[in-house]
N, C-alpha and C. Protein backbone atom coordinates (compact mmCIF):
# COMPACT_ATOMS: atom_id res chain seq x y z
N UNK A 1 -15.76 123.18 -157.54
CA UNK A 1 -15.38 122.82 -155.83
C UNK A 1 -13.64 122.56 -155.97
N UNK A 2 -13.75 122.49 -154.51
CA UNK A 2 -12.26 123.38 -154.24
C UNK A 2 -11.39 121.86 -153.39
N UNK A 3 -10.69 121.55 -154.48
CA UNK A 3 -9.80 120.06 -153.68
C UNK A 3 -9.05 120.71 -152.12
N UNK A 4 -8.79 119.59 -152.08
CA UNK A 4 -7.97 119.70 -150.59
C UNK A 4 -6.55 120.79 -150.58
N UNK A 5 -5.69 120.25 -151.79
CA UNK A 5 -4.54 121.43 -152.57
C UNK A 5 -4.71 122.52 -152.64
N UNK A 6 -6.00 122.78 -152.94
CA UNK A 6 -6.62 124.44 -153.24
C UNK A 6 -6.37 125.12 -151.96
N UNK A 7 -7.34 124.12 -150.36
CA UNK A 7 -7.97 124.12 -150.14
C UNK A 7 -7.00 124.75 -148.69
N UNK A 8 -5.34 123.79 -149.65
CA UNK A 8 -3.91 123.91 -148.21
C UNK A 8 -3.33 125.33 -148.93
N UNK A 9 -3.31 126.17 -150.13
CA UNK A 9 -3.03 126.88 -150.28
C UNK A 9 -3.84 128.30 -149.40
N UNK A 10 -4.85 127.64 -149.40
CA UNK A 10 -5.94 128.90 -149.07
C UNK A 10 -5.86 128.84 -147.74
N UNK A 11 -5.65 128.78 -146.88
CA UNK A 11 -5.34 127.89 -145.16
C UNK A 11 -4.27 128.60 -144.97
N UNK A 12 -3.40 127.88 -145.45
CA UNK A 12 -1.78 127.30 -145.00
C UNK A 12 -1.12 128.63 -144.25
N UNK A 13 -1.75 129.89 -145.36
CA UNK A 13 -0.58 130.83 -144.86
C UNK A 13 -0.84 131.66 -143.26
N UNK A 14 -2.68 131.66 -143.21
CA UNK A 14 -3.10 131.80 -141.80
C UNK A 14 -2.68 131.07 -140.88
N UNK A 15 -2.86 129.82 -140.84
CA UNK A 15 -2.87 128.25 -139.79
C UNK A 15 -1.25 128.92 -139.28
N UNK A 16 -0.40 129.20 -140.80
CA UNK A 16 1.05 128.88 -139.72
C UNK A 16 1.34 130.28 -138.78
N UNK A 17 0.28 131.65 -139.49
CA UNK A 17 0.86 132.79 -139.05
C UNK A 17 0.27 132.65 -137.88
N UNK A 18 -1.41 132.22 -137.41
CA UNK A 18 -1.25 131.96 -136.10
C UNK A 18 -0.45 131.02 -134.70
N UNK A 19 0.01 130.01 -135.65
CA UNK A 19 1.06 129.67 -134.97
C UNK A 19 2.39 130.40 -134.51
N UNK A 20 2.68 130.99 -136.38
CA UNK A 20 3.64 131.66 -135.44
C UNK A 20 3.83 132.51 -134.59
N UNK A 21 2.42 133.17 -133.66
CA UNK A 21 1.90 134.32 -133.22
C UNK A 21 2.06 133.70 -132.05
N UNK A 22 1.66 132.37 -131.54
CA UNK A 22 1.54 131.84 -130.16
C UNK A 22 2.97 131.32 -130.01
N UNK A 23 3.76 130.80 -130.77
CA UNK A 23 4.62 130.11 -130.10
C UNK A 23 5.75 130.82 -130.86
N UNK A 24 6.53 131.49 -130.90
CA UNK A 24 7.55 132.50 -131.34
C UNK A 24 8.80 132.05 -131.65
N UNK A 25 9.17 131.33 -130.77
CA UNK A 25 10.54 130.68 -130.85
C UNK A 25 10.19 128.96 -131.52
N UNK A 26 9.22 128.10 -131.27
CA UNK A 26 8.49 127.75 -132.47
C UNK A 26 8.98 128.13 -134.02
N UNK A 27 8.40 128.36 -133.88
CA UNK A 27 8.51 129.38 -135.63
C UNK A 27 9.75 130.20 -136.05
N UNK A 28 10.40 130.75 -135.09
CA UNK A 28 11.78 131.39 -135.54
C UNK A 28 12.81 129.82 -136.30
N UNK A 29 12.78 129.16 -134.99
CA UNK A 29 13.73 128.28 -134.72
C UNK A 29 13.61 127.35 -135.86
N UNK A 30 12.39 127.05 -136.14
CA UNK A 30 12.68 126.13 -137.39
C UNK A 30 13.04 127.08 -138.43
N UNK A 31 12.50 128.52 -139.16
CA UNK A 31 12.61 129.08 -139.78
C UNK A 31 14.02 129.44 -140.55
N UNK A 32 15.00 130.05 -139.34
CA UNK A 32 16.17 129.27 -139.90
C UNK A 32 16.92 128.25 -140.32
N UNK A 33 16.41 127.55 -139.45
CA UNK A 33 16.78 126.26 -139.75
C UNK A 33 16.32 125.57 -141.24
N UNK A 34 15.75 125.68 -142.07
CA UNK A 34 14.81 125.46 -142.71
C UNK A 34 15.53 126.45 -143.83
N UNK A 35 15.57 127.81 -143.61
CA UNK A 35 16.45 128.81 -144.71
C UNK A 35 18.05 128.47 -144.35
N UNK A 36 18.45 127.71 -143.60
CA UNK A 36 19.87 128.21 -143.96
C UNK A 36 19.95 126.33 -145.20
N UNK A 37 18.98 125.21 -144.27
CA UNK A 37 19.83 124.72 -144.88
C UNK A 37 18.55 124.23 -146.46
N UNK A 38 17.90 124.50 -147.18
CA UNK A 38 17.15 124.51 -148.03
C UNK A 38 17.84 125.18 -149.45
N UNK A 39 18.80 125.67 -148.65
CA UNK A 39 19.22 126.90 -149.36
C UNK A 39 19.90 125.92 -150.81
N UNK A 40 20.80 126.72 -151.72
CA UNK A 40 21.28 125.50 -152.61
C UNK A 40 23.11 125.54 -152.10
N UNK A 41 23.19 125.05 -151.75
CA UNK A 41 24.21 123.58 -151.92
C UNK A 41 24.75 123.13 -152.96
N UNK A 42 25.41 121.74 -152.29
CA UNK A 42 26.01 120.92 -153.21
C UNK A 42 24.98 120.45 -154.41
N UNK A 43 23.31 120.34 -153.73
CA UNK A 43 21.85 120.70 -153.73
C UNK A 43 21.81 121.69 -154.69
N UNK A 44 20.63 121.83 -155.34
CA UNK A 44 20.08 122.97 -155.45
C UNK A 44 19.08 123.03 -154.72
N UNK A 45 18.15 123.90 -154.81
CA UNK A 45 16.99 123.73 -153.72
C UNK A 45 15.89 123.05 -153.99
N UNK A 46 16.12 123.26 -155.54
CA UNK A 46 15.39 122.52 -156.56
C UNK A 46 14.69 121.08 -155.87
N UNK A 47 16.45 120.34 -155.95
CA UNK A 47 16.41 119.23 -156.09
C UNK A 47 16.34 118.56 -154.16
N UNK A 48 16.35 120.06 -153.29
CA UNK A 48 15.87 119.33 -152.20
C UNK A 48 14.41 119.91 -152.10
N UNK A 49 13.89 120.61 -152.24
CA UNK A 49 12.54 120.25 -152.21
C UNK A 49 11.89 119.27 -153.16
N UNK A 50 12.53 118.69 -154.06
CA UNK A 50 11.86 117.96 -154.36
C UNK A 50 12.56 116.28 -153.45
N UNK A 51 13.40 116.11 -152.71
CA UNK A 51 13.38 114.66 -152.25
C UNK A 51 12.63 115.00 -150.90
N UNK A 52 12.20 116.59 -149.80
CA UNK A 52 10.80 117.10 -148.96
C UNK A 52 10.01 116.61 -149.52
N UNK A 53 9.19 116.25 -150.79
CA UNK A 53 8.28 116.23 -151.27
C UNK A 53 8.56 114.11 -150.98
N UNK A 54 9.39 113.82 -151.38
CA UNK A 54 8.99 112.14 -151.29
C UNK A 54 8.78 111.88 -150.44
N UNK A 55 9.91 112.78 -149.18
CA UNK A 55 9.80 112.27 -147.98
C UNK A 55 8.42 112.88 -147.17
N UNK A 56 7.49 113.83 -147.73
CA UNK A 56 6.47 113.28 -147.27
C UNK A 56 5.77 112.82 -148.03
N UNK A 57 5.68 112.84 -148.79
CA UNK A 57 4.93 111.74 -149.29
C UNK A 57 5.14 109.94 -148.56
N UNK A 58 6.54 109.85 -147.94
CA UNK A 58 6.54 108.49 -147.48
C UNK A 58 6.67 108.56 -145.90
N UNK A 59 6.29 109.51 -145.18
CA UNK A 59 6.03 109.48 -144.33
C UNK A 59 4.01 109.82 -144.02
N UNK A 60 3.67 109.69 -145.11
CA UNK A 60 1.91 110.04 -145.15
C UNK A 60 1.96 111.56 -144.76
N UNK A 61 2.39 113.09 -145.14
CA UNK A 61 2.17 113.95 -144.58
C UNK A 61 1.62 115.15 -145.38
N UNK A 62 0.69 114.85 -146.03
CA UNK A 62 -0.68 116.02 -146.69
C UNK A 62 0.13 117.11 -146.66
N UNK A 63 0.14 118.10 -146.09
CA UNK A 63 0.84 119.37 -145.87
C UNK A 63 1.87 119.77 -146.36
N UNK A 64 3.26 118.47 -145.77
CA UNK A 64 4.11 118.34 -146.62
C UNK A 64 4.37 118.31 -148.45
N UNK A 65 3.42 117.58 -148.60
CA UNK A 65 3.93 117.06 -149.98
C UNK A 65 2.97 118.76 -150.21
N UNK A 66 1.86 118.98 -149.40
CA UNK A 66 1.28 120.01 -150.62
C UNK A 66 2.85 121.52 -150.46
N UNK A 67 3.39 121.54 -149.07
CA UNK A 67 4.06 122.69 -149.26
C UNK A 67 5.57 122.44 -149.97
N UNK A 68 6.10 121.36 -149.60
CA UNK A 68 7.42 121.18 -150.67
C UNK A 68 6.64 121.55 -152.26
N UNK A 69 5.54 120.70 -151.95
CA UNK A 69 4.93 120.60 -154.21
C UNK A 69 5.48 121.78 -154.46
N UNK A 70 4.90 123.07 -153.72
CA UNK A 70 5.05 124.89 -153.73
C UNK A 70 6.12 125.79 -153.96
N UNK A 71 6.99 125.02 -153.13
CA UNK A 71 8.28 125.33 -152.97
C UNK A 71 8.91 124.63 -153.97
N UNK A 72 8.72 123.58 -154.75
CA UNK A 72 9.25 123.24 -155.49
C UNK A 72 9.57 123.37 -156.84
N UNK A 73 8.21 123.95 -157.42
CA UNK A 73 7.48 124.92 -158.62
C UNK A 73 8.36 126.11 -158.58
N UNK A 74 8.16 126.93 -157.72
CA UNK A 74 9.00 127.89 -157.00
C UNK A 74 10.16 127.88 -157.86
N UNK A 75 10.92 126.62 -157.45
CA UNK A 75 12.23 126.47 -157.45
C UNK A 75 12.19 126.14 -159.10
N UNK A 76 11.43 125.56 -159.85
CA UNK A 76 11.52 125.47 -160.96
C UNK A 76 11.86 123.96 -161.50
N UNK A 77 11.18 123.89 -160.64
CA UNK A 77 10.15 121.72 -160.41
C UNK A 77 9.17 122.23 -162.06
N UNK A 78 9.20 121.15 -162.63
CA UNK A 78 8.74 120.40 -164.45
C UNK A 78 7.75 119.63 -163.64
N UNK A 79 6.57 119.39 -163.50
CA UNK A 79 6.00 118.33 -163.27
C UNK A 79 6.34 117.23 -164.01
N UNK A 80 6.82 116.80 -164.77
CA UNK A 80 7.53 115.01 -165.27
C UNK A 80 8.71 115.08 -164.28
N UNK A 81 9.77 116.47 -163.54
CA UNK A 81 10.73 115.69 -162.66
C UNK A 81 9.14 115.78 -160.80
N UNK A 82 8.00 115.91 -161.21
CA UNK A 82 7.49 115.46 -159.80
C UNK A 82 6.96 114.04 -159.81
N UNK A 83 6.80 114.09 -161.11
CA UNK A 83 6.08 112.76 -161.40
C UNK A 83 6.95 111.50 -161.10
N UNK A 84 8.40 111.94 -162.67
CA UNK A 84 9.36 111.25 -162.26
C UNK A 84 9.42 110.89 -160.46
N UNK A 85 10.04 111.40 -159.40
CA UNK A 85 10.01 111.99 -158.28
C UNK A 85 9.40 110.83 -157.50
N UNK A 86 7.92 110.77 -157.77
CA UNK A 86 6.22 110.63 -156.67
C UNK A 86 7.00 108.63 -157.74
N UNK A 87 7.24 108.70 -158.44
CA UNK A 87 7.99 106.92 -159.32
C UNK A 87 9.14 106.45 -158.45
N UNK A 88 10.37 107.38 -157.14
CA UNK A 88 10.83 106.80 -157.40
C UNK A 88 10.53 106.49 -155.88
N UNK A 89 9.31 107.13 -155.52
CA UNK A 89 8.90 106.99 -154.43
C UNK A 89 8.34 105.32 -153.69
N UNK A 90 7.46 105.53 -155.00
CA UNK A 90 6.54 104.43 -154.99
C UNK A 90 8.00 103.06 -155.75
N UNK A 91 8.68 102.96 -156.11
CA UNK A 91 9.06 102.32 -156.25
C UNK A 91 10.03 101.88 -154.79
N UNK A 92 10.15 102.92 -153.98
CA UNK A 92 11.08 102.48 -152.91
C UNK A 92 9.86 102.18 -151.64
N UNK A 93 8.88 102.33 -151.46
CA UNK A 93 8.05 102.69 -150.55
C UNK A 93 7.07 101.51 -151.09
N UNK A 94 6.11 101.12 -152.40
CA UNK A 94 5.41 100.49 -152.75
C UNK A 94 3.83 100.94 -152.26
N UNK A 95 2.92 100.51 -152.47
CA UNK A 95 1.62 100.70 -152.27
C UNK A 95 1.52 101.94 -150.80
N UNK A 96 2.39 102.42 -149.94
CA UNK A 96 2.44 103.32 -148.80
C UNK A 96 2.43 104.92 -149.90
N UNK A 97 3.31 104.91 -150.39
CA UNK A 97 3.95 105.74 -151.79
C UNK A 97 3.35 106.50 -152.74
N UNK A 98 2.36 104.88 -153.14
CA UNK A 98 1.18 105.08 -154.32
C UNK A 98 0.18 106.06 -153.99
N UNK A 99 -0.52 105.85 -152.55
CA UNK A 99 -1.53 106.46 -152.36
C UNK A 99 -1.16 107.43 -152.29
N UNK A 100 -0.05 108.72 -152.44
CA UNK A 100 -0.26 109.27 -151.87
C UNK A 100 0.16 110.70 -152.96
N UNK A 101 0.17 109.37 -154.44
CA UNK A 101 0.42 110.13 -155.72
C UNK A 101 -1.04 111.38 -155.96
N UNK A 102 -2.11 111.05 -156.00
CA UNK A 102 -3.31 111.76 -156.14
C UNK A 102 -2.53 113.12 -155.40
N UNK A 103 -2.70 113.13 -154.39
CA UNK A 103 -1.71 114.62 -153.33
C UNK A 103 -1.07 115.70 -154.46
N UNK A 104 -0.14 114.74 -154.81
CA UNK A 104 0.29 115.37 -154.93
C UNK A 104 0.35 115.71 -156.95
N UNK A 105 -0.52 115.27 -157.46
CA UNK A 105 -1.61 115.52 -159.16
C UNK A 105 -2.17 116.22 -158.21
N UNK A 106 -2.72 116.49 -157.31
CA UNK A 106 -3.76 117.72 -156.98
C UNK A 106 -2.98 118.96 -156.66
N UNK A 107 -2.32 118.96 -156.16
CA UNK A 107 -0.80 120.17 -156.19
C UNK A 107 -0.86 120.54 -156.57
N UNK A 108 0.26 120.19 -157.76
CA UNK A 108 0.13 120.60 -159.06
C UNK A 108 -0.72 121.12 -159.88
N UNK A 109 -1.83 120.70 -160.49
CA UNK A 109 -3.55 120.99 -160.77
C UNK A 109 -3.72 122.54 -159.89
N UNK A 110 -3.38 122.87 -158.63
CA UNK A 110 -4.12 123.61 -158.22
C UNK A 110 -3.24 124.81 -158.09
N UNK A 111 -1.59 124.57 -158.47
CA UNK A 111 -0.40 125.14 -158.59
C UNK A 111 0.21 125.50 -160.57
N UNK A 112 -1.54 124.77 -161.04
CA UNK A 112 -1.44 125.42 -162.46
C UNK A 112 -0.28 124.47 -163.49
N UNK A 113 0.87 123.41 -163.13
CA UNK A 113 1.50 122.66 -163.28
C UNK A 113 1.59 121.80 -163.76
């Protein structure tokens, strides 16, 4: 059985590639901003990705959760850090954050952590 996260990781590159072909200015503009703002600075890339997952959970953006979970893991985030961050989301938002914890767990399992 394919989970939502597995499906996302299998199809997202092609989906975004098609978007970038059809709307190159959007893809290039966003890509430049993302690269500049999400790199290491006063906060590490890992810390910024953890923040981004928390925001994704708060605004109920499933692709954001999956994409930033993958980036956070690539930047060195651990399962414990991801789950602790999820706890902060739940503490700050309650039920609306709570219902997105399973998506984060799905992402972690699909990413092998």
